[in-house]
């Protein structure tokens, strides 16, 4: 595999991985909303942790393929993105 092919393969993997992670986030959010799961439900915290962890995964560095650039996040969503990553790192995934 040439360096160019390897770079293209890494990019493709990152986008596929991102799609999978965000699909799981959307499914978890939908599950919470459709089932009326409140903060008092035993599964609520587990689902919230999963949402934050899965959302942040593509934006964190991996040794083999690297991370997805935050530039891919539309400008109007960058403040929310920043909050999601900060909460992931400081509260939900690295405590």
N, C-alpha and C. Protein backbone atom coordinates (compact mmCIF):
# COMPACT_ATOMS: atom_id res chain seq x y z
N UNK A 1 0.85 -1.17 0.00
CA UNK A 1 0.00 0.00 0.00
C UNK A 1 0.90 1.24 0.00
N UNK A 2 0.61 2.15 -0.90
CA UNK A 2 1.40 3.38 -0.98
C UNK A 2 1.00 4.31 0.17
N UNK A 3 1.84 5.30 0.47
CA UNK A 3 1.47 6.26 1.52
C UNK A 3 0.15 6.99 1.21
N UNK A 4 -0.08 7.28 -0.06
CA UNK A 4 -1.32 7.95 -0.45
C UNK A 4 -2.53 7.04 -0.22
N UNK A 5 -2.38 5.77 -0.57
CA UNK A 5 -3.46 4.81 -0.34
C UNK A 5 -3.73 4.62 1.15
N UNK A 6 -2.65 4.59 1.94
CA UNK A 6 -2.81 4.44 3.38
C UNK A 6 -3.52 5.66 3.97
N UNK A 7 -3.16 6.85 3.50
CA UNK A 7 -3.82 8.07 3.98
C UNK A 7 -5.30 8.06 3.61
N UNK A 8 -5.61 7.63 2.40
CA UNK A 8 -7.01 7.56 1.96
C UNK A 8 -7.78 6.52 2.78
N UNK A 9 -7.14 5.41 3.06
CA UNK A 9 -7.76 4.36 3.87
C UNK A 9 -8.04 4.85 5.28
N UNK A 10 -7.10 5.57 5.86
CA UNK A 10 -7.30 6.13 7.20
C UNK A 10 -8.47 7.11 7.21
N UNK A 11 -8.52 7.97 6.20
CA UNK A 11 -9.62 8.94 6.12
C UNK A 11 -10.97 8.24 6.00
N UNK A 12 -11.03 7.24 5.16
CA UNK A 12 -12.27 6.49 4.98
C UNK A 12 -12.67 5.82 6.30
N UNK A 13 -11.71 5.21 6.98
CA UNK A 13 -12.00 4.57 8.26
C UNK A 13 -12.51 5.59 9.26
N UNK A 14 -11.88 6.76 9.35
CA UNK A 14 -12.31 7.79 10.30
C UNK A 14 -13.75 8.22 10.05
N UNK A 15 -14.10 8.40 8.79
CA UNK A 15 -15.47 8.82 8.48
C UNK A 15 -16.48 7.72 8.76
N UNK A 16 -16.12 6.47 8.46
CA UNK A 16 -17.02 5.36 8.76
C UNK A 16 -17.19 5.23 10.27
N UNK A 17 -16.09 5.30 11.01
CA UNK A 17 -16.11 5.21 12.47
C UNK A 17 -16.96 6.33 13.07
N UNK A 18 -16.79 7.53 12.53
CA UNK A 18 -17.58 8.67 13.00
C UNK A 18 -19.07 8.43 12.75
N UNK A 19 -19.39 7.95 11.58
CA UNK A 19 -20.79 7.65 11.25
C UNK A 19 -21.37 6.65 12.23
N UNK A 20 -20.63 5.59 12.52
CA UNK A 20 -21.10 4.57 13.45
C UNK A 20 -21.31 5.16 14.85
N UNK A 21 -20.33 5.91 15.33
CA UNK A 21 -20.44 6.51 16.67
C UNK A 21 -21.64 7.44 16.76
N UNK A 22 -21.79 8.30 15.77
CA UNK A 22 -22.90 9.27 15.81
C UNK A 22 -24.25 8.58 15.63
N UNK A 23 -24.28 7.49 14.90
CA UNK A 23 -25.52 6.72 14.78
C UNK A 23 -25.91 6.14 16.15
N UNK A 24 -24.92 5.63 16.89
CA UNK A 24 -25.20 5.11 18.23
C UNK A 24 -25.67 6.22 19.17
N UNK A 25 -25.07 7.41 19.04
CA UNK A 25 -25.50 8.56 19.84
C UNK A 25 -26.96 8.89 19.53
N UNK A 26 -27.28 8.97 18.26
CA UNK A 26 -28.66 9.28 17.86
C UNK A 26 -29.63 8.22 18.37
N UNK A 27 -29.24 6.96 18.29
CA UNK A 27 -30.10 5.88 18.79
C UNK A 27 -30.32 5.99 20.30
N UNK A 28 -29.27 6.31 21.05
CA UNK A 28 -29.40 6.46 22.50
C UNK A 28 -30.31 7.64 22.85
N UNK A 29 -30.14 8.75 22.14
CA UNK A 29 -30.99 9.92 22.38
C UNK A 29 -32.45 9.60 22.06
N UNK A 30 -32.67 8.94 20.95
CA UNK A 30 -34.03 8.55 20.55
C UNK A 30 -34.64 7.62 21.59
N UNK A 31 -33.85 6.67 22.07
CA UNK A 31 -34.34 5.73 23.09
C UNK A 31 -34.77 6.47 24.36
N UNK A 32 -33.96 7.43 24.79
CA UNK A 32 -34.29 8.21 25.98
C UNK A 32 -35.61 8.96 25.77
N UNK A 33 -35.72 9.63 24.64
CA UNK A 33 -36.91 10.45 24.37
C UNK A 33 -38.17 9.60 24.16
N UNK A 34 -38.05 8.53 23.38
CA UNK A 34 -39.22 7.71 23.09
C UNK A 34 -39.73 6.94 24.30
N UNK A 35 -38.84 6.65 25.23
CA UNK A 35 -39.23 5.87 26.40
C UNK A 35 -39.43 6.72 27.65
N UNK A 36 -39.35 8.03 27.49
CA UNK A 36 -39.57 8.93 28.61
C UNK A 36 -38.63 8.68 29.78
N UNK A 37 -37.39 8.36 29.46
CA UNK A 37 -36.42 8.06 30.51
C UNK A 37 -35.97 9.36 31.16
N UNK A 38 -36.20 9.46 32.46
CA UNK A 38 -35.83 10.67 33.20
C UNK A 38 -34.55 10.43 33.98
N UNK A 39 -34.08 11.47 34.64
CA UNK A 39 -32.86 11.37 35.44
C UNK A 39 -32.96 10.33 36.55
N UNK A 40 -34.16 9.99 36.95
CA UNK A 40 -34.36 9.02 38.03
C UNK A 40 -34.35 7.57 37.55
N UNK A 41 -34.39 7.37 36.25
CA UNK A 41 -34.40 6.01 35.69
C UNK A 41 -33.02 5.38 35.86
N UNK A 42 -32.96 4.08 36.21
CA UNK A 42 -31.66 3.43 36.42
C UNK A 42 -30.75 3.44 35.19
N UNK A 43 -31.32 3.51 34.00
CA UNK A 43 -30.50 3.48 32.78
C UNK A 43 -30.08 4.87 32.31
N UNK A 44 -30.62 5.91 32.90
CA UNK A 44 -30.37 7.27 32.41
C UNK A 44 -28.88 7.61 32.41
N UNK A 45 -28.22 7.46 33.53
CA UNK A 45 -26.80 7.84 33.63
C UNK A 45 -25.96 7.01 32.66
N UNK A 46 -26.25 5.73 32.55
CA UNK A 46 -25.51 4.87 31.62
C UNK A 46 -25.65 5.35 30.18
N UNK A 47 -26.85 5.73 29.81
CA UNK A 47 -27.08 6.21 28.45
C UNK A 47 -26.40 7.55 28.21
N UNK A 48 -26.44 8.44 29.19
CA UNK A 48 -25.79 9.75 29.04
C UNK A 48 -24.27 9.57 28.91
N UNK A 49 -23.70 8.71 29.72
CA UNK A 49 -22.25 8.44 29.62
C UNK A 49 -21.93 7.90 28.24
N UNK A 50 -22.74 6.97 27.76
CA UNK A 50 -22.52 6.41 26.42
C UNK A 50 -22.60 7.49 25.35
N UNK A 51 -23.55 8.40 25.48
CA UNK A 51 -23.70 9.48 24.49
C UNK A 51 -22.45 10.34 24.45
N UNK A 52 -21.97 10.77 25.61
CA UNK A 52 -20.77 11.61 25.64
C UNK A 52 -19.54 10.86 25.15
N UNK A 53 -19.38 9.62 25.60
CA UNK A 53 -18.19 8.85 25.20
C UNK A 53 -18.19 8.58 23.70
N UNK A 54 -19.31 8.15 23.17
CA UNK A 54 -19.38 7.84 21.74
C UNK A 54 -19.25 9.09 20.88
N UNK A 55 -19.86 10.19 21.32
CA UNK A 55 -19.75 11.42 20.54
C UNK A 55 -18.28 11.86 20.42
N UNK A 56 -17.55 11.77 21.51
CA UNK A 56 -16.18 12.27 21.52
C UNK A 56 -15.15 11.37 20.87
N UNK A 57 -15.44 10.09 20.76
CA UNK A 57 -14.44 9.14 20.25
C UNK A 57 -13.76 9.55 18.95
N UNK A 58 -14.50 9.92 17.92
CA UNK A 58 -13.84 10.25 16.65
C UNK A 58 -12.92 11.47 16.74
N UNK A 59 -13.14 12.31 17.74
CA UNK A 59 -12.36 13.54 17.87
C UNK A 59 -11.16 13.37 18.80
N UNK A 60 -10.93 12.14 19.23
CA UNK A 60 -9.79 11.85 20.10
C UNK A 60 -8.75 11.08 19.29
N UNK A 61 -7.50 11.31 19.62
CA UNK A 61 -6.40 10.73 18.86
C UNK A 61 -6.29 9.22 19.09
N UNK A 62 -6.18 8.49 18.00
CA UNK A 62 -5.86 7.07 18.07
C UNK A 62 -4.49 6.88 17.46
N UNK A 63 -3.76 5.94 17.96
CA UNK A 63 -2.38 5.76 17.54
C UNK A 63 -2.22 5.42 16.05
N UNK A 64 -3.16 4.71 15.49
CA UNK A 64 -3.02 4.25 14.12
C UNK A 64 -3.56 5.25 13.10
N UNK A 65 -4.77 5.75 13.31
CA UNK A 65 -5.39 6.58 12.28
C UNK A 65 -5.52 8.05 12.62
N UNK A 66 -5.23 8.43 13.85
CA UNK A 66 -5.37 9.83 14.23
C UNK A 66 -6.80 10.17 14.57
N UNK A 67 -7.08 11.46 14.63
CA UNK A 67 -8.42 11.89 15.03
C UNK A 67 -9.06 12.73 13.94
N UNK A 68 -10.35 12.84 14.04
CA UNK A 68 -11.12 13.67 13.12
C UNK A 68 -10.95 15.12 13.55
N UNK A 69 -10.72 15.99 12.60
CA UNK A 69 -10.55 17.41 12.91
C UNK A 69 -11.86 18.03 13.36
N UNK A 70 -11.78 18.91 14.36
CA UNK A 70 -13.00 19.59 14.81
C UNK A 70 -13.50 20.57 13.75
N UNK A 71 -12.70 20.83 12.73
CA UNK A 71 -13.12 21.72 11.64
C UNK A 71 -14.30 21.14 10.87
N UNK A 72 -14.50 19.83 10.99
CA UNK A 72 -15.62 19.20 10.30
C UNK A 72 -16.96 19.58 10.93
N UNK A 73 -16.92 20.02 12.17
CA UNK A 73 -18.14 20.43 12.88
C UNK A 73 -18.57 21.79 12.33
N UNK A 74 -19.82 21.91 11.86
CA UNK A 74 -20.29 23.20 11.36
C UNK A 74 -20.13 24.29 12.42
N UNK A 75 -19.79 25.48 11.98
CA UNK A 75 -19.48 26.60 12.88
C UNK A 75 -20.57 26.84 13.92
N UNK A 76 -21.83 26.73 13.52
CA UNK A 76 -22.91 27.01 14.47
C UNK A 76 -23.01 25.97 15.59
N UNK A 77 -22.40 24.80 15.38
CA UNK A 77 -22.43 23.75 16.40
C UNK A 77 -21.13 23.64 17.20
N UNK A 78 -20.13 24.43 16.86
CA UNK A 78 -18.85 24.32 17.56
C UNK A 78 -18.92 24.63 19.05
N UNK A 79 -19.72 25.62 19.49
CA UNK A 79 -19.82 25.83 20.95
C UNK A 79 -20.38 24.59 21.67
N UNK A 80 -21.41 23.97 21.10
CA UNK A 80 -21.96 22.76 21.69
C UNK A 80 -20.94 21.62 21.63
N UNK A 81 -20.25 21.50 20.50
CA UNK A 81 -19.21 20.47 20.35
C UNK A 81 -18.16 20.62 21.45
N UNK A 82 -17.72 21.85 21.67
CA UNK A 82 -16.70 22.11 22.69
C UNK A 82 -17.19 21.67 24.07
N UNK A 83 -18.43 21.98 24.39
CA UNK A 83 -19.01 21.58 25.68
C UNK A 83 -19.09 20.06 25.78
N UNK A 84 -19.52 19.41 24.71
CA UNK A 84 -19.63 17.95 24.72
C UNK A 84 -18.28 17.30 24.97
N UNK A 85 -17.24 17.79 24.29
CA UNK A 85 -15.90 17.21 24.46
C UNK A 85 -15.38 17.49 25.86
N UNK A 86 -15.57 18.71 26.35
CA UNK A 86 -15.10 19.04 27.71
C UNK A 86 -15.79 18.18 28.76
N UNK A 87 -17.10 18.04 28.66
CA UNK A 87 -17.81 17.20 29.63
C UNK A 87 -17.40 15.74 29.51
N UNK A 88 -17.19 15.28 28.28
CA UNK A 88 -16.72 13.91 28.09
C UNK A 88 -15.41 13.70 28.82
N UNK A 89 -14.46 14.62 28.61
CA UNK A 89 -13.13 14.46 29.17
C UNK A 89 -13.07 14.68 30.67
N UNK A 90 -13.88 15.61 31.17
CA UNK A 90 -13.76 16.01 32.58
C UNK A 90 -14.78 15.35 33.51
N UNK A 91 -15.90 14.90 32.96
CA UNK A 91 -16.95 14.37 33.83
C UNK A 91 -17.27 12.91 33.54
N UNK A 92 -17.48 12.57 32.27
CA UNK A 92 -18.04 11.26 31.95
C UNK A 92 -17.03 10.18 31.58
N UNK A 93 -15.97 10.51 30.88
CA UNK A 93 -15.10 9.45 30.37
C UNK A 93 -13.75 9.37 31.07
N UNK A 94 -13.33 10.39 31.73
CA UNK A 94 -11.99 10.37 32.34
C UNK A 94 -12.03 10.85 33.78
N UNK A 95 -12.89 10.24 34.57
CA UNK A 95 -12.97 10.66 35.97
C UNK A 95 -12.30 9.65 36.87
